[in-house]
Protein backbone atom coordinates (compact mmCIF):
# COMPACT_ATOMS: atom_id res chain seq x y z
CA UNK A 1 1.37 2.54 -11.95
CA UNK A 2 2.14 5.25 -9.47
CA UNK A 3 3.80 4.18 -6.22
CA UNK A 4 1.70 5.42 -3.20
CA UNK A 5 3.98 3.96 -0.49
CA UNK A 6 7.70 4.00 -1.08
CA UNK A 7 8.50 2.31 2.13
CA UNK A 8 6.61 -0.73 1.24
CA UNK A 9 6.31 -0.37 -2.46
CA UNK A 10 2.51 -0.23 -2.66
CA UNK A 11 1.04 1.11 -5.87
CA UNK A 12 -2.24 2.69 -6.48
CA UNK A 13 -3.52 -0.53 -8.09
CA UNK A 14 -2.36 -2.54 -4.96
CA UNK A 15 -4.50 -0.16 -2.80
CA UNK A 16 -7.50 -0.32 -5.22
CA UNK A 17 -7.43 -4.21 -5.22
CA UNK A 18 -7.09 -4.26 -1.50
CA UNK A 19 -10.22 -2.10 -0.96
CA UNK A 20 -12.18 -4.20 -3.51
CA UNK A 21 -11.19 -7.44 -1.83
CA UNK A 22 -11.86 -6.20 1.60
CA UNK A 23 -15.29 -4.80 0.97
CA UNK A 24 -14.30 -1.12 0.99
CA UNK A 25 -11.61 -1.29 3.70
CA UNK A 26 -7.94 -0.93 2.98
CA UNK A 27 -5.84 -3.34 5.09
CA UNK A 28 -2.83 -1.84 3.29
CA UNK A 29 -3.59 1.61 4.75
CA UNK A 30 -4.18 0.12 8.18
CA UNK A 31 -0.70 -1.65 7.91
CA UNK A 32 1.05 1.57 6.85
CA UNK A 33 -0.65 3.58 9.64
CA UNK A 34 0.43 1.05 12.19
CA UNK A 35 3.98 0.91 10.87
CA UNK A 36 4.11 4.78 11.07
CA UNK A 37 2.92 4.70 14.69
CA UNK A 38 5.66 2.14 15.51
CA UNK A 39 8.36 4.42 13.73
CA UNK A 40 9.15 1.56 11.33
CA UNK A 41 8.66 3.36 8.02
CA UNK A 42 11.44 5.31 6.39
CA UNK A 43 9.49 7.82 4.30
CA UNK A 44 12.23 10.51 4.63
CA UNK A 45 14.77 8.06 3.08
CA UNK A 46 12.55 6.21 0.63
CA UNK A 47 10.29 8.88 -0.94
CA UNK A 48 12.00 10.85 -3.70
CA UNK A 49 10.72 14.19 -2.16
CA UNK A 50 11.65 13.11 1.32
CA UNK A 51 8.14 12.97 2.89
């Protein structure tokens, strides 16, 4: 399964399940966005393409 978030190791399936369980809302996406706002993610280091 493709990894969507390398910082927190979320896959496409994780996000689909999250949306299904939370009636169309992705709490994973909310979490990732909050971590990015705080500067806590390391996308440049973790993502194979540096993004």
